[in-house]
Amino acid sequence: MNAVHDTMSRQGLVRPRDGRMVGGVCAGLGRRFGLDPWIARLLFVLILFVIPGSQLLVYPILWILMPAEPPAYTAPAPPTTW
C-alpha cells in the first residue's frame, strides 16, 4: 500500500487538506489536472449520469489509494520573554 501512496504522491495525486467536501478525491484530481475543485466535482457528477454507478466504485477506491497531503511545516514560535 505504501508503494501505491508513494507513486500517487510523485504524480501529484494527493487529497488536499483544504477544499475538501467529503474525502478530497475530486479536489485532488482537480488540483492534479489544473481544474477548480468545483469543476472537477461537476465533471464527476456529469460522468455519473453518462456511466451510472461507476463513480460509486471509483470514488471509495481512490479515497483509500490517494494519500492525504502532508501537513504544512510551521516553524515553532520564538520563545516569549516576560
PDB file of N, CA and C in Angstrom:
ATOM      1  N   MET A   1       0.831  -1.192   0.000  1.00  0.00           N
ATOM      2  CA  MET A   1       0.000   0.000   0.000  1.00  0.00           C
ATOM      3  C   MET A   1       0.874   1.253   0.000  1.00  0.00           C
ATOM      4  N   ASN A   2       2.013   1.212   0.694  1.00  0.00           N
ATOM      5  CA  ASN A   2       2.900   2.375   0.706  1.00  0.00           C
ATOM      6  C   ASN A   2       3.463   2.671  -0.672  1.00  0.00           C
ATOM      7  N   ALA A   3       3.697   1.625  -1.463  1.00  0.00           N
ATOM      8  CA  ALA A   3       4.209   1.835  -2.818  1.00  0.00           C
ATOM      9  C   ALA A   3       3.190   2.589  -3.662  1.00  0.00           C
ATOM     10  N   VAL A   4       1.914   2.263  -3.503  1.00  0.00           N
ATOM     11  CA  VAL A   4       0.851   2.950  -4.246  1.00  0.00           C
ATOM     12  C   VAL A   4       0.784   4.406  -3.797  1.00  0.00           C
ATOM     13  N   HIS A   5       0.848   4.648  -2.488  1.00  0.00           N
ATOM     14  CA  HIS A   5       0.803   6.021  -1.975  1.00  0.00           C
ATOM     15  C   HIS A   5       1.996   6.823  -2.483  1.00  0.00           C
ATOM     16  N   ASP A   6       3.181   6.219  -2.486  1.00  0.00           N
ATOM     17  CA  ASP A   6       4.374   6.922  -2.970  1.00  0.00           C
ATOM     18  C   ASP A   6       4.257   7.260  -4.445  1.00  0.00           C
ATOM     19  N   THR A   7       3.755   6.317  -5.236  1.00  0.00           N
ATOM     20  CA  THR A   7       3.601   6.551  -6.673  1.00  0.00           C
ATOM     21  C   THR A   7       2.615   7.688  -6.929  1.00  0.00           C
ATOM     22  N   MET A   8       1.491   7.678  -6.244  1.00  0.00           N
ATOM     23  CA  MET A   8       0.495   8.738  -6.434  1.00  0.00           C
ATOM     24  C   MET A   8       1.025  10.079  -5.956  1.00  0.00           C
ATOM     25  N   SER A   9       1.786  10.085  -4.875  1.00  0.00           N
ATOM     26  CA  SER A   9       2.357  11.343  -4.376  1.00  0.00           C
ATOM     27  C   SER A   9       3.327  11.933  -5.390  1.00  0.00           C
ATOM     28  N   ARG A  10       4.151  11.086  -6.000  1.00  0.00           N
ATOM     29  CA  ARG A  10       5.097  11.571  -7.007  1.00  0.00           C
ATOM     30  C   ARG A  10       4.381  12.145  -8.216  1.00  0.00           C
ATOM     31  N   GLN A  11       3.216  11.597  -8.549  1.00  0.00           N
ATOM     32  CA  GLN A  11       2.448  12.076  -9.702  1.00  0.00           C
ATOM     33  C   GLN A  11       1.574  13.275  -9.359  1.00  0.00           C
ATOM     34  N   GLY A  12       1.558  13.670  -8.105  1.00  0.00           N
ATOM     35  CA  GLY A  12       0.767  14.827  -7.695  1.00  0.00           C
ATOM     36  C   GLY A  12      -0.663  14.499  -7.341  1.00  0.00           C
ATOM     37  N   LEU A  13      -0.986  13.229  -7.211  1.00  0.00           N
ATOM     38  CA  LEU A  13      -2.341  12.828  -6.836  1.00  0.00           C
ATOM     39  C   LEU A  13      -2.416  12.670  -5.324  1.00  0.00           C
ATOM     40  N   VAL A  14      -2.758  13.744  -4.641  1.00  0.00           N
ATOM     41  CA  VAL A  14      -2.936  13.710  -3.191  1.00  0.00           C
ATOM     42  C   VAL A  14      -4.257  14.386  -2.853  1.00  0.00           C
ATOM     43  N   ARG A  15      -4.824  13.984  -1.740  1.00  0.00           N
ATOM     44  CA  ARG A  15      -6.054  14.617  -1.269  1.00  0.00           C
ATOM     45  C   ARG A  15      -5.662  15.832  -0.438  1.00  0.00           C
ATOM     46  N   PRO A  16      -5.975  17.050  -0.920  1.00  0.00           N
ATOM     47  CA  PRO A  16      -5.538  18.256  -0.214  1.00  0.00           C
ATOM     48  C   PRO A  16      -6.226  18.407   1.134  1.00  0.00           C
ATOM     49  N   ARG A  17      -5.575  19.132   2.009  1.00  0.00           N
ATOM     50  CA  ARG A  17      -6.152  19.380   3.333  1.00  0.00           C
ATOM     51  C   ARG A  17      -7.223  20.476   3.278  1.00  0.00           C
ATOM     52  N   ASP A  18      -7.128  21.367   2.295  1.00  0.00           N
ATOM     53  CA  ASP A  18      -8.125  22.422   2.168  1.00  0.00           C
ATOM     54  C   ASP A  18      -8.948  22.191   0.901  1.00  0.00           C
ATOM     55  N   GLY A  19     -10.195  22.617   0.918  1.00  0.00           N
ATOM     56  CA  GLY A  19     -11.059  22.470  -0.247  1.00  0.00           C
ATOM     57  C   GLY A  19     -11.751  21.118  -0.336  1.00  0.00           C
ATOM     58  N   ARG A  20     -11.705  20.338   0.730  1.00  0.00           N
ATOM     59  CA  ARG A  20     -12.376  19.029   0.722  1.00  0.00           C
ATOM     60  C   ARG A  20     -13.870  19.194   0.942  1.00  0.00           C
ATOM     61  N   MET A  21     -14.628  18.295   0.336  1.00  0.00           N
ATOM     62  CA  MET A  21     -16.058  18.228   0.628  1.00  0.00           C
ATOM     63  C   MET A  21     -16.331  16.936   1.405  1.00  0.00           C
ATOM     64  N   VAL A  22     -15.979  15.810   0.832  1.00  0.00           N
ATOM     65  CA  VAL A  22     -16.180  14.530   1.507  1.00  0.00           C
ATOM     66  C   VAL A  22     -14.823  13.930   1.847  1.00  0.00           C
ATOM     67  N   GLY A  23     -14.112  13.451   0.854  1.00  0.00           N
ATOM     68  CA  GLY A  23     -12.823  12.836   1.113  1.00  0.00           C
ATOM     69  C   GLY A  23     -11.671  13.571   0.466  1.00  0.00           C
ATOM     70  N   GLY A  24     -11.972  14.514  -0.387  1.00  0.00           N
ATOM     71  CA  GLY A  24     -10.929  15.272  -1.054  1.00  0.00           C
ATOM     72  C   GLY A  24     -10.473  14.677  -2.371  1.00  0.00           C
ATOM     73  N   VAL A  25     -11.158  13.636  -2.841  1.00  0.00           N
ATOM     74  CA  VAL A  25     -10.747  12.977  -4.082  1.00  0.00           C
ATOM     75  C   VAL A  25     -10.928  13.915  -5.281  1.00  0.00           C
ATOM     76  N   CYS A  26     -12.091  14.517  -5.419  1.00  0.00           N
ATOM     77  CA  CYS A  26     -12.327  15.417  -6.559  1.00  0.00           C
ATOM     78  C   CYS A  26     -11.434  16.648  -6.471  1.00  0.00           C
ATOM     79  N   ALA A  27     -11.212  17.163  -5.267  1.00  0.00           N
ATOM     80  CA  ALA A  27     -10.322  18.318  -5.113  1.00  0.00           C
ATOM     81  C   ALA A  27      -8.898  17.935  -5.508  1.00  0.00           C
ATOM     82  N   GLY A  28      -8.476  16.730  -5.146  1.00  0.00           N
ATOM     83  CA  GLY A  28      -7.139  16.275  -5.520  1.00  0.00           C
ATOM     84  C   GLY A  28      -7.000  16.046  -7.011  1.00  0.00           C
ATOM     85  N   LEU A  29      -8.020  15.472  -7.628  1.00  0.00           N
ATOM     86  CA  LEU A  29      -7.993  15.274  -9.072  1.00  0.00           C
ATOM     87  C   LEU A  29      -8.013  16.610  -9.799  1.00  0.00           C
ATOM     88  N   GLY A  30      -8.822  17.544  -9.302  1.00  0.00           N
ATOM     89  CA  GLY A  30      -8.872  18.862  -9.905  1.00  0.00           C
ATOM     90  C   GLY A  30      -7.532  19.576  -9.809  1.00  0.00           C
ATOM     91  N   ARG A  31      -6.903  19.493  -8.657  1.00  0.00           N
ATOM     92  CA  ARG A  31      -5.598  20.128  -8.486  1.00  0.00           C
ATOM     93  C   ARG A  31      -4.562  19.502  -9.405  1.00  0.00           C
ATOM     94  N   ARG A  32      -4.593  18.180  -9.532  1.00  0.00           N
ATOM     95  CA  ARG A  32      -3.616  17.472 -10.371  1.00  0.00           C
ATOM     96  C   ARG A  32      -3.732  17.874 -11.841  1.00  0.00           C
ATOM     97  N   PHE A  33      -4.968  18.053 -12.309  1.00  0.00           N
ATOM     98  CA  PHE A  33      -5.192  18.362 -13.717  1.00  0.00           C
ATOM     99  C   PHE A  33      -5.441  19.850 -13.967  1.00  0.00           C
ATOM    100  N   GLY A  34      -5.215  20.686 -12.959  1.00  0.00           N
ATOM    101  CA  GLY A  34      -5.318  22.127 -13.127  1.00  0.00           C
ATOM    102  C   GLY A  34      -6.734  22.644 -13.213  1.00  0.00           C
ATOM    103  N   LEU A  35      -7.671  21.973 -12.562  1.00  0.00           N
ATOM    104  CA  LEU A  35      -9.065  22.405 -12.567  1.00  0.00           C
ATOM    105  C   LEU A  35      -9.459  22.906 -11.189  1.00  0.00           C
ATOM    106  N   ASP A  36     -10.436  23.779 -11.167  1.00  0.00           N
ATOM    107  CA  ASP A  36     -11.032  24.196  -9.907  1.00  0.00           C
ATOM    108  C   ASP A  36     -11.737  22.980  -9.291  1.00  0.00           C
ATOM    109  N   PRO A  37     -11.716  22.828  -7.969  1.00  0.00           N
ATOM    110  CA  PRO A  37     -12.392  21.674  -7.367  1.00  0.00           C
ATOM    111  C   PRO A  37     -13.864  21.556  -7.739  1.00  0.00           C
ATOM    112  N   TRP A  38     -14.549  22.703  -7.894  1.00  0.00           N
ATOM    113  CA  TRP A  38     -15.975  22.635  -8.241  1.00  0.00           C
ATOM    114  C   TRP A  38     -16.178  22.101  -9.650  1.00  0.00           C
ATOM    115  N   ILE A  39     -15.293  22.432 -10.548  1.00  0.00           N
ATOM    116  CA  ILE A  39     -15.401  21.900 -11.910  1.00  0.00           C
ATOM    117  C   ILE A  39     -15.135  20.402 -11.898  1.00  0.00           C
ATOM    118  N   ALA A  40     -14.168  19.960 -11.110  1.00  0.00           N
ATOM    119  CA  ALA A  40     -13.884  18.525 -11.001  1.00  0.00           C
ATOM    120  C   ALA A  40     -15.091  17.787 -10.427  1.00  0.00           C
ATOM    121  N   ARG A  41     -15.735  18.370  -9.421  1.00  0.00           N
ATOM    122  CA  ARG A  41     -16.930  17.741  -8.842  1.00  0.00           C
ATOM    123  C   ARG A  41     -18.068  17.684  -9.850  1.00  0.00           C
ATOM    124  N   LEU A  42     -18.239  18.772 -10.612  1.00  0.00           N
ATOM    125  CA  LEU A  42     -19.290  18.812 -11.624  1.00  0.00           C
ATOM    126  C   LEU A  42     -19.053  17.754 -12.697  1.00  0.00           C
ATOM    127  N   LEU A  43     -17.809  17.636 -13.158  1.00  0.00           N
ATOM    128  CA  LEU A  43     -17.482  16.595 -14.139  1.00  0.00           C
ATOM    129  C   LEU A  43     -17.732  15.207 -13.575  1.00  0.00           C
ATOM    130  N   PHE A  44     -17.413  15.013 -12.310  1.00  0.00           N
ATOM    131  CA  PHE A  44     -17.638  13.727 -11.654  1.00  0.00           C
ATOM    132  C   PHE A  44     -19.131  13.371 -11.683  1.00  0.00           C
ATOM    133  N   VAL A  45     -19.972  14.348 -11.352  1.00  0.00           N
ATOM    134  CA  VAL A  45     -21.425  14.112 -11.343  1.00  0.00           C
ATOM    135  C   VAL A  45     -21.942  13.901 -12.763  1.00  0.00           C
ATOM    136  N   LEU A  46     -21.449  14.680 -13.731  1.00  0.00           N
ATOM    137  CA  LEU A  46     -21.901  14.505 -15.114  1.00  0.00           C
ATOM    138  C   LEU A  46     -21.523  13.132 -15.649  1.00  0.00           C
ATOM    139  N   ILE A  47     -20.342  12.663 -15.314  1.00  0.00           N
ATOM    140  CA  ILE A  47     -19.927  11.324 -15.745  1.00  0.00           C
ATOM    141  C   ILE A  47     -20.796  10.269 -15.068  1.00  0.00           C
ATOM    142  N   LEU A  48     -21.263  10.566 -13.853  1.00  0.00           N
ATOM    143  CA  LEU A  48     -22.162   9.630 -13.163  1.00  0.00           C
ATOM    144  C   LEU A  48     -23.448   9.429 -13.962  1.00  0.00           C
ATOM    145  N   PHE A  49     -23.922  10.485 -14.632  1.00  0.00           N
ATOM    146  CA  PHE A  49     -25.126  10.355 -15.441  1.00  0.00           C
ATOM    147  C   PHE A  49     -24.867   9.585 -16.734  1.00  0.00           C
ATOM    148  N   VAL A  50     -23.661   9.717 -17.266  1.00  0.00           N
ATOM    149  CA  VAL A  50     -23.319   9.036 -18.520  1.00  0.00           C
ATOM    150  C   VAL A  50     -23.049   7.555 -18.270  1.00  0.00           C
ATOM    151  N   ILE A  51     -22.267   7.272 -17.246  1.00  0.00           N
ATOM    152  CA  ILE A  51     -21.923   5.880 -16.896  1.00  0.00           C
ATOM    153  C   ILE A  51     -22.386   5.645 -15.460  1.00  0.00           C
ATOM    154  N   PRO A  52     -23.648   5.305 -15.247  1.00  0.00           N
ATOM    155  CA  PRO A  52     -24.186   5.213 -13.891  1.00  0.00           C
ATOM    156  C   PRO A  52     -23.491   4.136 -13.055  1.00  0.00           C
ATOM    157  N   GLY A  53     -23.191   4.518 -11.820  1.00  0.00           N
ATOM    158  CA  GLY A  53     -22.655   3.563 -10.856  1.00  0.00           C
ATOM    159  C   GLY A  53     -21.157   3.438 -10.827  1.00  0.00           C
ATOM    160  N   SER A  54     -20.474   3.780 -11.903  1.00  0.00           N
ATOM    161  CA  SER A  54     -19.034   3.562 -11.944  1.00  0.00           C
ATOM    162  C   SER A  54     -18.309   4.425 -10.910  1.00  0.00           C
ATOM    163  N   GLN A  55     -18.752   5.663 -10.723  1.00  0.00           N
ATOM    164  CA  GLN A  55     -18.081   6.539  -9.786  1.00  0.00           C
ATOM    165  C   GLN A  55     -18.302   6.105  -8.341  1.00  0.00           C
ATOM    166  N   LEU A  56     -19.410   5.418  -8.107  1.00  0.00           N
ATOM    167  CA  LEU A  56     -19.672   4.935  -6.757  1.00  0.00           C
ATOM    168  C   LEU A  56     -18.684   3.847  -6.360  1.00  0.00           C
ATOM    169  N   LEU A  57     -18.062   3.234  -7.333  1.00  0.00           N
ATOM    170  CA  LEU A  57     -16.998   2.267  -7.060  1.00  0.00           C
ATOM    171  C   LEU A  57     -15.629   2.939  -7.083  1.00  0.00           C
ATOM    172  N   VAL A  58     -15.444   3.868  -8.002  1.00  0.00           N
ATOM    173  CA  VAL A  58     -14.145   4.503  -8.185  1.00  0.00           C
ATOM    174  C   VAL A  58     -13.823   5.444  -7.028  1.00  0.00           C
ATOM    175  N   TYR A  59     -14.785   6.242  -6.571  1.00  0.00           N
ATOM    176  CA  TYR A  59     -14.521   7.234  -5.536  1.00  0.00           C
ATOM    177  C   TYR A  59     -13.979   6.595  -4.251  1.00  0.00           C
ATOM    178  N   PRO A  60     -14.619   5.571  -3.682  1.00  0.00           N
ATOM    179  CA  PRO A  60     -14.065   4.986  -2.458  1.00  0.00           C
ATOM    180  C   PRO A  60     -12.691   4.341  -2.666  1.00  0.00           C
ATOM    181  N   ILE A  61     -12.470   3.778  -3.844  1.00  0.00           N
ATOM    182  CA  ILE A  61     -11.159   3.179  -4.114  1.00  0.00           C
ATOM    183  C   ILE A  61     -10.095   4.268  -4.151  1.00  0.00           C
ATOM    184  N   LEU A  62     -10.378   5.379  -4.837  1.00  0.00           N
ATOM    185  CA  LEU A  62      -9.428   6.482  -4.870  1.00  0.00           C
ATOM    186  C   LEU A  62      -9.241   7.100  -3.482  1.00  0.00           C
ATOM    187  N   TRP A  63     -10.286   7.136  -2.679  1.00  0.00           N
ATOM    188  CA  TRP A  63     -10.204   7.683  -1.334  1.00  0.00           C
ATOM    189  C   TRP A  63      -9.204   6.872  -0.510  1.00  0.00           C
ATOM    190  N   ILE A  64      -9.210   5.579  -0.717  1.00  0.00           N
ATOM    191  CA  ILE A  64      -8.280   4.703   0.005  1.00  0.00           C
ATOM    192  C   ILE A  64      -6.871   4.803  -0.569  1.00  0.00           C
ATOM    193  N   LEU A  65      -6.764   4.836  -1.892  1.00  0.00           N
ATOM    194  CA  LEU A  65      -5.443   4.796  -2.530  1.00  0.00           C
ATOM    195  C   LEU A  65      -4.715   6.136  -2.549  1.00  0.00           C
ATOM    196  N   MET A  66      -5.452   7.240  -2.666  1.00  0.00           N
ATOM    197  CA  MET A  66      -4.802   8.550  -2.725  1.00  0.00           C
ATOM    198  C   MET A  66      -4.356   8.964  -1.333  1.00  0.00           C
ATOM    199  N   PRO A  67      -3.069   9.269  -1.171  1.00  0.00           N
ATOM    200  CA  PRO A  67      -2.614   9.698   0.164  1.00  0.00           C
ATOM    201  C   PRO A  67      -3.078  11.115   0.468  1.00  0.00           C
ATOM    202  N   ALA A  68      -3.211  11.386   1.755  1.00  0.00           N
ATOM    203  CA  ALA A  68      -3.552  12.742   2.173  1.00  0.00           C
ATOM    204  C   ALA A  68      -2.327  13.629   2.035  1.00  0.00           C
ATOM    205  N   GLU A  69      -2.572  14.876   1.759  1.00  0.00           N
ATOM    206  CA  GLU A  69      -1.483  15.836   1.639  1.00  0.00           C
ATOM    207  C   GLU A  69      -0.781  15.953   2.992  1.00  0.00           C
ATOM    208  N   PRO A  70       0.542  15.936   2.991  1.00  0.00           N
ATOM    209  CA  PRO A  70       1.237  16.062   4.284  1.00  0.00           C
ATOM    210  C   PRO A  70       0.974  17.438   4.885  1.00  0.00           C
ATOM    211  N   PRO A  71       0.975  17.512   6.207  1.00  0.00           N
ATOM    212  CA  PRO A  71       0.728  18.813   6.831  1.00  0.00           C
ATOM    213  C   PRO A  71       1.838  19.802   6.494  1.00  0.00           C
ATOM    214  N   ALA A  72       1.455  21.029   6.348  1.00  0.00           N
ATOM    215  CA  ALA A  72       2.430  22.083   6.038  1.00  0.00           C
ATOM    216  C   ALA A  72       3.310  22.306   7.264  1.00  0.00           C
ATOM    217  N   TYR A  73       4.580  22.496   7.018  1.00  0.00           N
ATOM    218  CA  TYR A  73       5.507  22.734   8.120  1.00  0.00           C
ATOM    219  C   TYR A  73       5.315  24.148   8.637  1.00  0.00           C
ATOM    220  N   THR A  74       5.155  24.244   9.901  1.00  0.00           N
ATOM    221  CA  THR A  74       5.083  25.558  10.519  1.00  0.00           C
ATOM    222  C   THR A  74       6.238  25.668  11.493  1.00  0.00           C
ATOM    223  N   ALA A  75       6.982  26.722  11.367  1.00  0.00           N
ATOM    224  CA  ALA A  75       8.131  26.925  12.253  1.00  0.00           C
ATOM    225  C   ALA A  75       7.622  27.190  13.670  1.00  0.00           C
ATOM    226  N   PRO A  76       8.331  26.654  14.631  1.00  0.00           N
ATOM    227  CA  PRO A  76       7.889  26.906  16.007  1.00  0.00           C
ATOM    228  C   PRO A  76       8.000  28.386  16.338  1.00  0.00           C
ATOM    229  N   ALA A  77       7.094  28.831  17.162  1.00  0.00           N
ATOM    230  CA  ALA A  77       7.070  30.237  17.550  1.00  0.00           C
ATOM    231  C   ALA A  77       8.280  30.523  18.436  1.00  0.00           C
ATOM    232  N   PRO A  78       8.862  31.705  18.267  1.00  0.00           N
ATOM    233  CA  PRO A  78      10.000  32.033  19.130  1.00  0.00           C
ATOM    234  C   PRO A  78       9.535  32.154  20.572  1.00  0.00           C
ATOM    235  N   PRO A  79      10.419  31.822  21.500  1.00  0.00           N
ATOM    236  CA  PRO A  79      10.001  31.924  22.904  1.00  0.00           C
ATOM    237  C   PRO A  79       9.728  33.375  23.297  1.00  0.00           C
ATOM    238  N   THR A  80       8.758  33.532  24.095  1.00  0.00           N
ATOM    239  CA  THR A  80       8.427  34.874  24.553  1.00  0.00           C
ATOM    240  C   THR A  80       9.102  35.118  25.890  1.00  0.00           C
ATOM    241  N   THR A  81       9.533  36.302  26.096  1.00  0.00           N
ATOM    242  CA  THR A  81      10.140  36.655  27.383  1.00  0.00           C
ATOM    243  C   THR A  81       9.212  37.595  28.092  1.00  0.00           C
ATOM    244  N   TRP A  82       9.125  37.413  29.367  1.00  0.00           N
ATOM    245  CA  TRP A  82       8.204  38.229  30.157  1.00  0.00           C
ATOM    246  C   TRP A  82       8.950  39.289  30.820  1.00  0.00           C
TER     247      TRP A  82
END
